[in-house]
Amino acid sequence: MNESIGEKVSTLKSMLDSDERIIALNKLDKEMSNNEEVMKLSYALDVASSKYSDMLSIYSEDSKEVKETRLALVAAKENLYSHPLVKQYLKEYKKVRELYAEIDYILFSDFAVKLCPKE
């Protein structure tokens, strides 16, 4: 137990860097960043999101213009998320998110504030 907190954190970081889930996620991230089709779909989603935001600032939420841009936004998101590379990335991302949630629980659950204690 003489190991300092810094050494323990460094060990944890090394373990995470060599974890197969994180390695797979990083590999997919790099592949997506270099995939022209994914980049186009991502850009289309950004444009649709921006347009939707613009329409919300001009028109009421139940207006025809907002409804149309919302549908375009949903379609752009579906197009991006249905790409095989993005689907695989999201699958791997879920595994890494679960890993981080488990680490968070192990490290900090004793410090969690009990907002609504059962008495």
PDB file of N, CA and C in Angstrom:
ATOM      1  N   MET A   1       0.824  -1.196   0.000  1.00  0.00           N
ATOM      2  CA  MET A   1       0.000   0.000   0.000  1.00  0.00           C
ATOM      3  C   MET A   1       0.866   1.257   0.000  1.00  0.00           C
ATOM      4  N   ASN A   2       2.157   1.121  -0.224  1.00  0.00           N
ATOM      5  CA  ASN A   2       3.041   2.271  -0.270  1.00  0.00           C
ATOM      6  C   ASN A   2       3.031   2.973  -1.625  1.00  0.00           C
ATOM      7  N   GLU A   3       2.295   2.431  -2.576  1.00  0.00           N
ATOM      8  CA  GLU A   3       2.226   3.024  -3.904  1.00  0.00           C
ATOM      9  C   GLU A   3       1.441   4.337  -3.827  1.00  0.00           C
ATOM     10  N   SER A   4       2.002   5.403  -4.395  1.00  0.00           N
ATOM     11  CA  SER A   4       1.339   6.705  -4.338  1.00  0.00           C
ATOM     12  C   SER A   4       0.125   6.734  -5.266  1.00  0.00           C
ATOM     13  N   ILE A   5      -0.727   7.703  -5.043  1.00  0.00           N
ATOM     14  CA  ILE A   5      -1.916   7.859  -5.889  1.00  0.00           C
ATOM     15  C   ILE A   5      -1.491   8.085  -7.336  1.00  0.00           C
ATOM     16  N   GLY A   6      -0.451   8.882  -7.538  1.00  0.00           N
ATOM     17  CA  GLY A   6       0.032   9.137  -8.892  1.00  0.00           C
ATOM     18  C   GLY A   6       0.459   7.869  -9.600  1.00  0.00           C
ATOM     19  N   GLU A   7       1.137   6.990  -8.872  1.00  0.00           N
ATOM     20  CA  GLU A   7       1.572   5.722  -9.462  1.00  0.00           C
ATOM     21  C   GLU A   7       0.370   4.834  -9.792  1.00  0.00           C
ATOM     22  N   LYS A   8      -0.621   4.846  -8.904  1.00  0.00           N
ATOM     23  CA  LYS A   8      -1.824   4.044  -9.141  1.00  0.00           C
ATOM     24  C   LYS A   8      -2.594   4.558 -10.354  1.00  0.00           C
ATOM     25  N   VAL A   9      -2.686   5.876 -10.476  1.00  0.00           N
ATOM     26  CA  VAL A   9      -3.373   6.464 -11.623  1.00  0.00           C
ATOM     27  C   VAL A   9      -2.619   6.137 -12.909  1.00  0.00           C
ATOM     28  N   SER A  10      -1.300   6.215 -12.832  1.00  0.00           N
ATOM     29  CA  SER A  10      -0.479   5.875 -13.997  1.00  0.00           C
ATOM     30  C   SER A  10      -0.672   4.411 -14.396  1.00  0.00           C
ATOM     31  N   THR A  11      -0.751   3.537 -13.428  1.00  0.00           N
ATOM     32  CA  THR A  11      -0.987   2.119 -13.687  1.00  0.00           C
ATOM     33  C   THR A  11      -2.357   1.920 -14.322  1.00  0.00           C
ATOM     34  N   LEU A  12      -3.362   2.604 -13.794  1.00  0.00           N
ATOM     35  CA  LEU A  12      -4.714   2.511 -14.355  1.00  0.00           C
ATOM     36  C   LEU A  12      -4.721   2.991 -15.798  1.00  0.00           C
ATOM     37  N   LYS A  13      -4.065   4.108 -16.055  1.00  0.00           N
ATOM     38  CA  LYS A  13      -4.002   4.633 -17.425  1.00  0.00           C
ATOM     39  C   LYS A  13      -3.340   3.633 -18.360  1.00  0.00           C
ATOM     40  N   SER A  14      -2.258   3.030 -17.929  1.00  0.00           N
ATOM     41  CA  SER A  14      -1.575   2.024 -18.755  1.00  0.00           C
ATOM     42  C   SER A  14      -2.486   0.830 -19.034  1.00  0.00           C
ATOM     43  N   MET A  15      -3.216   0.420 -18.019  1.00  0.00           N
ATOM     44  CA  MET A  15      -4.133  -0.705 -18.192  1.00  0.00           C
ATOM     45  C   MET A  15      -5.247  -0.339 -19.179  1.00  0.00           C
ATOM     46  N   LEU A  16      -5.771   0.871 -19.071  1.00  0.00           N
ATOM     47  CA  LEU A  16      -6.823   1.308 -19.984  1.00  0.00           C
ATOM     48  C   LEU A  16      -6.293   1.429 -21.410  1.00  0.00           C
ATOM     49  N   ASP A  17      -5.086   1.958 -21.551  1.00  0.00           N
ATOM     50  CA  ASP A  17      -4.488   2.096 -22.887  1.00  0.00           C
ATOM     51  C   ASP A  17      -4.292   0.754 -23.575  1.00  0.00           C
ATOM     52  N   SER A  18      -4.135  -0.304 -22.805  1.00  0.00           N
ATOM     53  CA  SER A  18      -3.923  -1.624 -23.395  1.00  0.00           C
ATOM     54  C   SER A  18      -5.197  -2.480 -23.394  1.00  0.00           C
ATOM     55  N   ASP A  19      -6.310  -1.914 -22.943  1.00  0.00           N
ATOM     56  CA  ASP A  19      -7.569  -2.649 -22.924  1.00  0.00           C
ATOM     57  C   ASP A  19      -8.083  -2.822 -24.354  1.00  0.00           C
ATOM     58  N   GLU A  20      -8.482  -4.044 -24.688  1.00  0.00           N
ATOM     59  CA  GLU A  20      -8.914  -4.350 -26.054  1.00  0.00           C
ATOM     60  C   GLU A  20     -10.120  -3.526 -26.497  1.00  0.00           C
ATOM     61  N   ARG A  21     -11.014  -3.178 -25.565  1.00  0.00           N
ATOM     62  CA  ARG A  21     -12.192  -2.378 -25.917  1.00  0.00           C
ATOM     63  C   ARG A  21     -11.789  -0.976 -26.325  1.00  0.00           C
ATOM     64  N   ILE A  22     -10.858  -0.397 -25.592  1.00  0.00           N
ATOM     65  CA  ILE A  22     -10.417   0.963 -25.897  1.00  0.00           C
ATOM     66  C   ILE A  22      -9.578   0.980 -27.170  1.00  0.00           C
ATOM     67  N   ILE A  23      -8.760  -0.035 -27.352  1.00  0.00           N
ATOM     68  CA  ILE A  23      -7.965  -0.137 -28.583  1.00  0.00           C
ATOM     69  C   ILE A  23      -8.895  -0.245 -29.794  1.00  0.00           C
ATOM     70  N   ALA A  24      -9.921  -1.079 -29.693  1.00  0.00           N
ATOM     71  CA  ALA A  24     -10.872  -1.248 -30.800  1.00  0.00           C
ATOM     72  C   ALA A  24     -11.612   0.059 -31.088  1.00  0.00           C
ATOM     73  N   LEU A  25     -12.014   0.759 -30.033  1.00  0.00           N
ATOM     74  CA  LEU A  25     -12.722   2.023 -30.211  1.00  0.00           C
ATOM     75  C   LEU A  25     -11.824   3.062 -30.881  1.00  0.00           C
ATOM     76  N   ASN A  26     -10.588   3.155 -30.439  1.00  0.00           N
ATOM     77  CA  ASN A  26      -9.657   4.114 -31.031  1.00  0.00           C
ATOM     78  C   ASN A  26      -9.387   3.800 -32.500  1.00  0.00           C
ATOM     79  N   LYS A  27      -9.294   2.518 -32.818  1.00  0.00           N
ATOM     80  CA  LYS A  27      -9.073   2.104 -34.209  1.00  0.00           C
ATOM     81  C   LYS A  27     -10.267   2.514 -35.073  1.00  0.00           C
ATOM     82  N   LEU A  28     -11.460   2.262 -34.583  1.00  0.00           N
ATOM     83  CA  LEU A  28     -12.663   2.636 -35.330  1.00  0.00           C
ATOM     84  C   LEU A  28     -12.794   4.152 -35.461  1.00  0.00           C
ATOM     85  N   ASP A  29     -12.416   4.870 -34.423  1.00  0.00           N
ATOM     86  CA  ASP A  29     -12.449   6.329 -34.471  1.00  0.00           C
ATOM     87  C   ASP A  29     -11.548   6.851 -35.590  1.00  0.00           C
ATOM     88  N   LYS A  30     -10.370   6.282 -35.675  1.00  0.00           N
ATOM     89  CA  LYS A  30      -9.425   6.678 -36.724  1.00  0.00           C
ATOM     90  C   LYS A  30      -9.987   6.329 -38.107  1.00  0.00           C
ATOM     91  N   GLU A  31     -10.575   5.135 -38.228  1.00  0.00           N
ATOM     92  CA  GLU A  31     -11.163   4.725 -39.505  1.00  0.00           C
ATOM     93  C   GLU A  31     -12.291   5.672 -39.917  1.00  0.00           C
ATOM     94  N   MET A  32     -13.157   6.033 -38.962  1.00  0.00           N
ATOM     95  CA  MET A  32     -14.253   6.941 -39.272  1.00  0.00           C
ATOM     96  C   MET A  32     -13.733   8.314 -39.683  1.00  0.00           C
ATOM     97  N   SER A  33     -12.684   8.779 -39.031  1.00  0.00           N
ATOM     98  CA  SER A  33     -12.110  10.089 -39.345  1.00  0.00           C
ATOM     99  C   SER A  33     -11.525  10.129 -40.749  1.00  0.00           C
ATOM    100  N   ASN A  34     -11.156   8.969 -41.274  1.00  0.00           N
ATOM    101  CA  ASN A  34     -10.560   8.906 -42.602  1.00  0.00           C
ATOM    102  C   ASN A  34     -11.525   8.385 -43.669  1.00  0.00           C
ATOM    103  N   ASN A  35     -12.762   8.142 -43.295  1.00  0.00           N
ATOM    104  CA  ASN A  35     -13.739   7.596 -44.229  1.00  0.00           C
ATOM    105  C   ASN A  35     -14.550   8.740 -44.833  1.00  0.00           C
ATOM    106  N   GLU A  36     -14.414   8.912 -46.135  1.00  0.00           N
ATOM    107  CA  GLU A  36     -15.068  10.032 -46.819  1.00  0.00           C
ATOM    108  C   GLU A  36     -16.591   9.968 -46.711  1.00  0.00           C
ATOM    109  N   GLU A  37     -17.139   8.780 -46.813  1.00  0.00           N
ATOM    110  CA  GLU A  37     -18.592   8.632 -46.731  1.00  0.00           C
ATOM    111  C   GLU A  37     -19.106   9.033 -45.346  1.00  0.00           C
ATOM    112  N   VAL A  38     -18.430   8.597 -44.301  1.00  0.00           N
ATOM    113  CA  VAL A  38     -18.822   8.959 -42.940  1.00  0.00           C
ATOM    114  C   VAL A  38     -18.678  10.472 -42.741  1.00  0.00           C
ATOM    115  N   MET A  39     -17.617  11.040 -43.283  1.00  0.00           N
ATOM    116  CA  MET A  39     -17.413  12.487 -43.148  1.00  0.00           C
ATOM    117  C   MET A  39     -18.540  13.257 -43.834  1.00  0.00           C
ATOM    118  N   LYS A  40     -18.977  12.798 -45.005  1.00  0.00           N
ATOM    119  CA  LYS A  40     -20.084  13.451 -45.714  1.00  0.00           C
ATOM    120  C   LYS A  40     -21.383  13.350 -44.910  1.00  0.00           C
ATOM    121  N   LEU A  41     -21.640  12.157 -44.381  1.00  0.00           N
ATOM    122  CA  LEU A  41     -22.859  11.954 -43.589  1.00  0.00           C
ATOM    123  C   LEU A  41     -22.831  12.791 -42.317  1.00  0.00           C
ATOM    124  N   SER A  42     -21.671  12.898 -41.711  1.00  0.00           N
ATOM    125  CA  SER A  42     -21.521  13.706 -40.506  1.00  0.00           C
ATOM    126  C   SER A  42     -21.737  15.187 -40.814  1.00  0.00           C
ATOM    127  N   TYR A  43     -21.190  15.624 -41.938  1.00  0.00           N
ATOM    128  CA  TYR A  43     -21.377  17.013 -42.352  1.00  0.00           C
ATOM    129  C   TYR A  43     -22.859  17.285 -42.631  1.00  0.00           C
ATOM    130  N   ALA A  44     -23.523  16.355 -43.301  1.00  0.00           N
ATOM    131  CA  ALA A  44     -24.952  16.513 -43.588  1.00  0.00           C
ATOM    132  C   ALA A  44     -25.755  16.622 -42.293  1.00  0.00           C
ATOM    133  N   LEU A  45     -25.363  15.859 -41.280  1.00  0.00           N
ATOM    134  CA  LEU A  45     -26.034  15.944 -39.977  1.00  0.00           C
ATOM    135  C   LEU A  45     -25.790  17.311 -39.345  1.00  0.00           C
ATOM    136  N   ASP A  46     -24.561  17.805 -39.416  1.00  0.00           N
ATOM    137  CA  ASP A  46     -24.251  19.130 -38.867  1.00  0.00           C
ATOM    138  C   ASP A  46     -25.066  20.222 -39.558  1.00  0.00           C
ATOM    139  N   VAL A  47     -25.167  20.138 -40.881  1.00  0.00           N
ATOM    140  CA  VAL A  47     -25.933  21.129 -41.643  1.00  0.00           C
ATOM    141  C   VAL A  47     -27.409  21.061 -41.255  1.00  0.00           C
ATOM    142  N   ALA A  48     -27.952  19.854 -41.179  1.00  0.00           N
ATOM    143  CA  ALA A  48     -29.363  19.682 -40.820  1.00  0.00           C
ATOM    144  C   ALA A  48     -29.628  20.192 -39.404  1.00  0.00           C
ATOM    145  N   SER A  49     -28.710  19.943 -38.498  1.00  0.00           N
ATOM    146  CA  SER A  49     -28.852  20.413 -37.116  1.00  0.00           C
ATOM    147  C   SER A  49     -28.828  21.933 -37.052  1.00  0.00           C
ATOM    148  N   SER A  50     -27.928  22.523 -37.792  1.00  0.00           N
ATOM    149  CA  SER A  50     -27.821  23.984 -37.822  1.00  0.00           C
ATOM    150  C   SER A  50     -29.085  24.607 -38.418  1.00  0.00           C
ATOM    151  N   LYS A  51     -29.559  24.030 -39.498  1.00  0.00           N
ATOM    152  CA  LYS A  51     -30.769  24.542 -40.139  1.00  0.00           C
ATOM    153  C   LYS A  51     -31.970  24.414 -39.202  1.00  0.00           C
ATOM    154  N   TYR A  52     -32.062  23.295 -38.504  1.00  0.00           N
ATOM    155  CA  TYR A  52     -33.161  23.091 -37.557  1.00  0.00           C
ATOM    156  C   TYR A  52     -33.104  24.142 -36.448  1.00  0.00           C
ATOM    157  N   SER A  53     -31.916  24.380 -35.941  1.00  0.00           N
ATOM    158  CA  SER A  53     -31.738  25.394 -34.903  1.00  0.00           C
ATOM    159  C   SER A  53     -32.146  26.780 -35.413  1.00  0.00           C
ATOM    160  N   ASP A  54     -31.758  27.078 -36.641  1.00  0.00           N
ATOM    161  CA  ASP A  54     -32.137  28.363 -37.248  1.00  0.00           C
ATOM    162  C   ASP A  54     -33.646  28.484 -37.372  1.00  0.00           C
ATOM    163  N   MET A  55     -34.292  27.421 -37.827  1.00  0.00           N
ATOM    164  CA  MET A  55     -35.746  27.453 -38.000  1.00  0.00           C
ATOM    165  C   MET A  55     -36.460  27.629 -36.653  1.00  0.00           C
ATOM    166  N   LEU A  56     -35.920  27.004 -35.613  1.00  0.00           N
ATOM    167  CA  LEU A  56     -36.521  27.158 -34.280  1.00  0.00           C
ATOM    168  C   LEU A  56     -36.411  28.587 -33.769  1.00  0.00           C
ATOM    169  N   SER A  57     -35.365  29.287 -34.181  1.00  0.00           N
ATOM    170  CA  SER A  57     -35.209  30.670 -33.726  1.00  0.00           C
ATOM    171  C   SER A  57     -36.109  31.634 -34.499  1.00  0.00           C
ATOM    172  N   ILE A  58     -36.634  31.172 -35.631  1.00  0.00           N
ATOM    173  CA  ILE A  58     -37.476  32.032 -36.463  1.00  0.00           C
ATOM    174  C   ILE A  58     -38.955  31.689 -36.318  1.00  0.00           C
ATOM    175  N   TYR A  59     -39.265  30.394 -36.338  1.00  0.00           N
ATOM    176  CA  TYR A  59     -40.652  29.930 -36.369  1.00  0.00           C
ATOM    177  C   TYR A  59     -41.023  29.208 -35.069  1.00  0.00           C
ATOM    178  N   SER A  60     -42.321  29.029 -34.887  1.00  0.00           N
ATOM    179  CA  SER A  60     -42.783  28.277 -33.717  1.00  0.00           C
ATOM    180  C   SER A  60     -42.503  26.794 -33.945  1.00  0.00           C
ATOM    181  N   GLU A  61     -42.453  26.060 -32.860  1.00  0.00           N
ATOM    182  CA  GLU A  61     -42.085  24.642 -32.923  1.00  0.00           C
ATOM    183  C   GLU A  61     -43.070  23.805 -33.740  1.00  0.00           C
ATOM    184  N   ASP A  62     -44.310  24.235 -33.813  1.00  0.00           N
ATOM    185  CA  ASP A  62     -45.304  23.465 -34.564  1.00  0.00           C
ATOM    186  C   ASP A  62     -45.510  23.973 -35.992  1.00  0.00           C
ATOM    187  N   SER A  63     -44.637  24.853 -36.449  1.00  0.00           N
ATOM    188  CA  SER A  63     -44.752  25.384 -37.805  1.00  0.00           C
ATOM    189  C   SER A  63     -44.327  24.342 -38.845  1.00  0.00           C
ATOM    190  N   LYS A  64     -44.801  24.547 -40.057  1.00  0.00           N
ATOM    191  CA  LYS A  64     -44.464  23.651 -41.162  1.00  0.00           C
ATOM    192  C   LYS A  64     -42.949  23.639 -41.403  1.00  0.00           C
ATOM    193  N   GLU A  65     -42.316  24.797 -41.349  1.00  0.00           N
ATOM    194  CA  GLU A  65     -40.879  24.909 -41.601  1.00  0.00           C
ATOM    195  C   GLU A  65     -40.054  24.124 -40.583  1.00  0.00           C
ATOM    196  N   VAL A  66     -40.428  24.233 -39.327  1.00  0.00           N
ATOM    197  CA  VAL A  66     -39.705  23.522 -38.274  1.00  0.00           C
ATOM    198  C   VAL A  66     -39.936  22.017 -38.397  1.00  0.00           C
ATOM    199  N   LYS A  67     -41.153  21.621 -38.671  1.00  0.00           N
ATOM    200  CA  LYS A  67     -41.447  20.195 -38.825  1.00  0.00           C
ATOM    201  C   LYS A  67     -40.649  19.584 -39.971  1.00  0.00           C
ATOM    202  N   GLU A  68     -40.562  20.306 -41.084  1.00  0.00           N
ATOM    203  CA  GLU A  68     -39.804  19.804 -42.237  1.00  0.00           C
ATOM    204  C   GLU A  68     -38.312  19.669 -41.912  1.00  0.00           C
ATOM    205  N   THR A  69     -37.761  20.689 -41.245  1.00  0.00           N
ATOM    206  CA  THR A  69     -36.332  20.619 -40.924  1.00  0.00           C
ATOM    207  C   THR A  69     -36.062  19.570 -39.845  1.00  0.00           C
ATOM    208  N   ARG A  70     -37.027  19.338 -38.956  1.00  0.00           N
ATOM    209  CA  ARG A  70     -36.871  18.285 -37.953  1.00  0.00           C
ATOM    210  C   ARG A  70     -36.821  16.915 -38.630  1.00  0.00           C
ATOM    211  N   LEU A  71     -37.702  16.713 -39.612  1.00  0.00           N
ATOM    212  CA  LEU A  71     -37.689  15.449 -40.353  1.00  0.00           C
ATOM    213  C   LEU A  71     -36.371  15.270 -41.108  1.00  0.00           C
ATOM    214  N   ALA A  72     -35.856  16.358 -41.665  1.00  0.00           N
ATOM    215  CA  ALA A  72     -34.569  16.291 -42.370  1.00  0.00           C
ATOM    216  C   ALA A  72     -33.442  15.969 -41.386  1.00  0.00           C
ATOM    217  N   LEU A  73     -33.521  16.522 -40.194  1.00  0.00           N
ATOM    218  CA  LEU A  73     -32.520  16.242 -39.158  1.00  0.00           C
ATOM    219  C   LEU A  73     -32.568  14.773 -38.737  1.00  0.00           C
ATOM    220  N   VAL A  74     -33.751  14.261 -38.525  1.00  0.00           N
ATOM    221  CA  VAL A  74     -33.910  12.848 -38.145  1.00  0.00           C
ATOM    222  C   VAL A  74     -33.369  11.941 -39.253  1.00  0.00           C
ATOM    223  N   ALA A  75     -33.662  12.279 -40.503  1.00  0.00           N
ATOM    224  CA  ALA A  75     -33.180  11.474 -41.636  1.00  0.00           C
ATOM    225  C   ALA A  75     -31.658  11.512 -41.720  1.00  0.00           C
ATOM    226  N   ALA A  76     -31.076  12.687 -41.514  1.00  0.00           N
ATOM    227  CA  ALA A  76     -29.609  12.807 -41.561  1.00  0.00           C
ATOM    228  C   ALA A  76     -28.962  11.989 -40.443  1.00  0.00           C
ATOM    229  N   LYS A  77     -29.576  12.009 -39.272  1.00  0.00           N
ATOM    230  CA  LYS A  77     -29.040  11.225 -38.151  1.00  0.00           C
ATOM    231  C   LYS A  77     -29.155   9.736 -38.438  1.00  0.00           C
ATOM    232  N   GLU A  78     -30.285   9.318 -38.960  1.00  0.00           N
ATOM    233  CA  GLU A  78     -30.477   7.905 -39.298  1.00  0.00           C
ATOM    234  C   GLU A  78     -29.479   7.460 -40.369  1.00  0.00           C
ATOM    235  N   ASN A  79     -29.242   8.315 -41.358  1.00  0.00           N
ATOM    236  CA  ASN A  79     -28.272   7.984 -42.414  1.00  0.00           C
ATOM    237  C   ASN A  79     -26.880   7.784 -41.834  1.00  0.00           C
ATOM    238  N   LEU A  80     -26.470   8.667 -40.949  1.00  0.00           N
ATOM    239  CA  LEU A  80     -25.141   8.548 -40.343  1.00  0.00           C
ATOM    240  C   LEU A  80     -25.066   7.320 -39.448  1.00  0.00           C
ATOM    241  N   TYR A  81     -26.039   7.154 -38.584  1.00  0.00           N
ATOM    242  CA  TYR A  81     -25.996   6.069 -37.604  1.00  0.00           C
ATOM    243  C   TYR A  81     -26.211   4.691 -38.221  1.00  0.00           C
ATOM    244  N   SER A  82     -26.727   4.631 -39.443  1.00  0.00           N
ATOM    245  CA  SER A  82     -26.919   3.336 -40.083  1.00  0.00           C
ATOM    246  C   SER A  82     -25.701   2.912 -40.908  1.00  0.00           C
ATOM    247  N   HIS A  83     -24.720   3.778 -41.032  1.00  0.00           N
ATOM    248  CA  HIS A  83     -23.494   3.412 -41.749  1.00  0.00           C
ATOM    249  C   HIS A  83     -22.796   2.300 -40.954  1.00  0.00           C
ATOM    250  N   PRO A  84     -22.330   1.242 -41.612  1.00  0.00           N
ATOM    251  CA  PRO A  84     -21.733   0.100 -40.901  1.00  0.00           C
ATOM    252  C   PRO A  84     -20.575   0.477 -39.967  1.00  0.00           C
ATOM    253  N   LEU A  85     -19.743   1.392 -40.391  1.00  0.00           N
ATOM    254  CA  LEU A  85     -18.605   1.789 -39.566  1.00  0.00           C
ATOM    255  C   LEU A  85     -19.073   2.527 -38.312  1.00  0.00           C
ATOM    256  N   VAL A  86     -20.070   3.374 -38.474  1.00  0.00           N
ATOM    257  CA  VAL A  86     -20.613   4.121 -37.337  1.00  0.00           C
ATOM    258  C   VAL A  86     -21.351   3.178 -36.389  1.00  0.00           C
ATOM    259  N   LYS A  87     -22.074   2.220 -36.945  1.00  0.00           N
ATOM    260  CA  LYS A  87     -22.771   1.230 -36.107  1.00  0.00           C
ATOM    261  C   LYS A  87     -21.774   0.453 -35.247  1.00  0.00           C
ATOM    262  N   GLN A  88     -20.676   0.046 -35.869  1.00  0.00           N
ATOM    263  CA  GLN A  88     -19.658  -0.695 -35.134  1.00  0.00           C
ATOM    264  C   GLN A  88     -19.015   0.185 -34.071  1.00  0.00           C
ATOM    265  N   TYR A  89     -18.771   1.446 -34.418  1.00  0.00           N
ATOM    266  CA  TYR A  89     -18.181   2.388 -33.461  1.00  0.00           C
ATOM    267  C   TYR A  89     -19.100   2.539 -32.247  1.00  0.00           C
ATOM    268  N   LEU A  90     -20.383   2.726 -32.480  1.00  0.00           N
ATOM    269  CA  LEU A  90     -21.331   2.914 -31.382  1.00  0.00           C
ATOM    270  C   LEU A  90     -21.422   1.671 -30.502  1.00  0.00           C
ATOM    271  N   LYS A  91     -21.306   0.505 -31.126  1.00  0.00           N
ATOM    272  CA  LYS A  91     -21.314  -0.751 -30.366  1.00  0.00           C
ATOM    273  C   LYS A  91     -20.093  -0.824 -29.448  1.00  0.00           C
ATOM    274  N   GLU A  92     -18.931  -0.493 -29.988  1.00  0.00           N
ATOM    275  CA  GLU A  92     -17.703  -0.498 -29.193  1.00  0.00           C
ATOM    276  C   GLU A  92     -17.718   0.611 -28.149  1.00  0.00           C
ATOM    277  N   TYR A  93     -18.272   1.761 -28.510  1.00  0.00           N
ATOM    278  CA  TYR A  93     -18.361   2.893 -27.581  1.00  0.00           C
ATOM    279  C   TYR A  93     -19.173   2.510 -26.348  1.00  0.00           C
ATOM    280  N   LYS A  94     -20.240   1.749 -26.555  1.00  0.00           N
ATOM    281  CA  LYS A  94     -21.071   1.306 -25.434  1.00  0.00           C
ATOM    282  C   LYS A  94     -20.261   0.460 -24.454  1.00  0.00           C
ATOM    283  N   LYS A  95     -19.406  -0.418 -24.984  1.00  0.00           N
ATOM    284  CA  LYS A  95     -18.568  -1.257 -24.127  1.00  0.00           C
ATOM    285  C   LYS A  95     -17.604  -0.405 -23.296  1.00  0.00           C
ATOM    286  N   VAL A  96     -17.013   0.595 -23.932  1.00  0.00           N
ATOM    287  CA  VAL A  96     -16.063   1.466 -23.223  1.00  0.00           C
ATOM    288  C   VAL A  96     -16.798   2.319 -22.191  1.00  0.00           C
ATOM    289  N   ARG A  97     -17.963   2.813 -22.554  1.00  0.00           N
ATOM    290  CA  ARG A  97     -18.762   3.599 -21.612  1.00  0.00           C
ATOM    291  C   ARG A  97     -19.114   2.770 -20.378  1.00  0.00           C
ATOM    292  N   GLU A  98     -19.456   1.499 -20.579  1.00  0.00           N
ATOM    293  CA  GLU A  98     -19.764   0.610 -19.453  1.00  0.00           C
ATOM    294  C   GLU A  98     -18.525   0.385 -18.588  1.00  0.00           C
ATOM    295  N   LEU A  99     -17.368   0.236 -19.221  1.00  0.00           N
ATOM    296  CA  LEU A  99     -16.116   0.092 -18.486  1.00  0.00           C
ATOM    297  C   LEU A  99     -15.861   1.317 -17.609  1.00  0.00           C
ATOM    298  N   TYR A 100     -16.002   2.495 -18.193  1.00  0.00           N
ATOM    299  CA  TYR A 100     -15.774   3.731 -17.438  1.00  0.00           C
ATOM    300  C   TYR A 100     -16.802   3.902 -16.310  1.00  0.00           C
ATOM    301  N   ALA A 101     -18.036   3.501 -16.554  1.00  0.00           N
ATOM    302  CA  ALA A 101     -19.063   3.578 -15.510  1.00  0.00           C
ATOM    303  C   ALA A 101     -18.709   2.657 -14.344  1.00  0.00           C
ATOM    304  N   GLU A 102     -18.184   1.482 -14.660  1.00  0.00           N
ATOM    305  CA  GLU A 102     -17.775   0.548 -13.615  1.00  0.00           C
ATOM    306  C   GLU A 102     -16.608   1.119 -12.804  1.00  0.00           C
ATOM    307  N   ILE A 103     -15.642   1.700 -13.484  1.00  0.00           N
ATOM    308  CA  ILE A 103     -14.500   2.327 -12.796  1.00  0.00           C
ATOM    309  C   ILE A 103     -14.983   3.465 -11.914  1.00  0.00           C
ATOM    310  N   ASP A 104     -15.885   4.290 -12.462  1.00  0.00           N
ATOM    311  CA  ASP A 104     -16.440   5.405 -11.697  1.00  0.00           C
ATOM    312  C   ASP A 104     -17.130   4.904 -10.435  1.00  0.00           C
ATOM    313  N   TYR A 105     -17.903   3.836 -10.571  1.00  0.00           N
ATOM    314  CA  TYR A 105     -18.605   3.279  -9.417  1.00  0.00           C
ATOM    315  C   TYR A 105     -17.614   2.773  -8.368  1.00  0.00           C
ATOM    316  N   ILE A 106     -16.600   2.044  -8.826  1.00  0.00           N
ATOM    317  CA  ILE A 106     -15.612   1.487  -7.896  1.00  0.00           C
ATOM    318  C   ILE A 106     -14.881   2.604  -7.144  1.00  0.00           C
ATOM    319  N   LEU A 107     -14.506   3.642  -7.875  1.00  0.00           N
ATOM    320  CA  LEU A 107     -13.701   4.706  -7.269  1.00  0.00           C
ATOM    321  C   LEU A 107     -14.511   5.679  -6.421  1.00  0.00           C
ATOM    322  N   PHE A 108     -15.743   5.965  -6.845  1.00  0.00           N
ATOM    323  CA  PHE A 108     -16.442   7.091  -6.225  1.00  0.00           C
ATOM    324  C   PHE A 108     -17.774   6.772  -5.552  1.00  0.00           C
ATOM    325  N   SER A 109     -18.213   5.524  -5.577  1.00  0.00           N
ATOM    326  CA  SER A 109     -19.525   5.221  -5.004  1.00  0.00           C
ATOM    327  C   SER A 109     -19.588   5.522  -3.505  1.00  0.00           C
ATOM    328  N   ASP A 110     -18.481   5.389  -2.799  1.00  0.00           N
ATOM    329  CA  ASP A 110     -18.487   5.691  -1.367  1.00  0.00           C
ATOM    330  C   ASP A 110     -18.636   7.182  -1.090  1.00  0.00           C
ATOM    331  N   PHE A 111     -18.370   7.998  -2.109  1.00  0.00           N
ATOM    332  CA  PHE A 111     -18.447   9.446  -1.940  1.00  0.00           C
ATOM    333  C   PHE A 111     -19.739  10.041  -2.479  1.00  0.00           C
ATOM    334  N   ALA A 112     -20.584   9.204  -3.033  1.00  0.00           N
ATOM    335  CA  ALA A 112     -21.823   9.684  -3.662  1.00  0.00           C
ATOM    336  C   ALA A 112     -22.712  10.348  -2.605  1.00  0.00           C
ATOM    337  N   VAL A 113     -23.289  11.457  -2.984  1.00  0.00           N
ATOM    338  CA  VAL A 113     -24.189  12.188  -2.104  1.00  0.00           C
ATOM    339  C   VAL A 113     -25.534  11.485  -2.129  1.00  0.00           C
ATOM    340  N   LYS A 114     -26.024  11.211  -0.981  1.00  0.00           N
ATOM    341  CA  LYS A 114     -27.340  10.570  -0.863  1.00  0.00           C
ATOM    342  C   LYS A 114     -28.386  11.682  -0.784  1.00  0.00           C
ATOM    343  N   LEU A 115     -28.967  12.011  -1.974  1.00  0.00           N
ATOM    344  CA  LEU A 115     -29.914  13.127  -2.026  1.00  0.00           C
ATOM    345  C   LEU A 115     -31.265  12.765  -1.415  1.00  0.00           C
ATOM    346  N   CYS A 116     -31.666  11.546  -1.576  1.00  0.00           N
ATOM    347  CA  CYS A 116     -32.958  11.117  -1.061  1.00  0.00           C
ATOM    348  C   CYS A 116     -32.787   9.836  -0.236  1.00  0.00           C
ATOM    349  N   PRO A 117     -32.195   9.957   0.929  1.00  0.00           N
ATOM    350  CA  PRO A 117     -32.005   8.733   1.725  1.00  0.00           C
ATOM    351  C   PRO A 117     -33.349   8.160   2.165  1.00  0.00           C
ATOM    352  N   LYS A 118     -33.401   6.841   2.187  1.00  0.00           N
ATOM    353  CA  LYS A 118     -34.639   6.168   2.621  1.00  0.00           C
ATOM    354  C   LYS A 118     -34.586   6.045   4.131  1.00  0.00           C
ATOM    355  N   GLU A 119     -35.537   6.648   4.774  1.00  0.00           N
ATOM    356  CA  GLU A 119     -35.561   6.609   6.240  1.00  0.00           C
ATOM    357  C   GLU A 119     -36.834   5.997   6.731  1.00  0.00           C
TER     358      GLU A 119
END
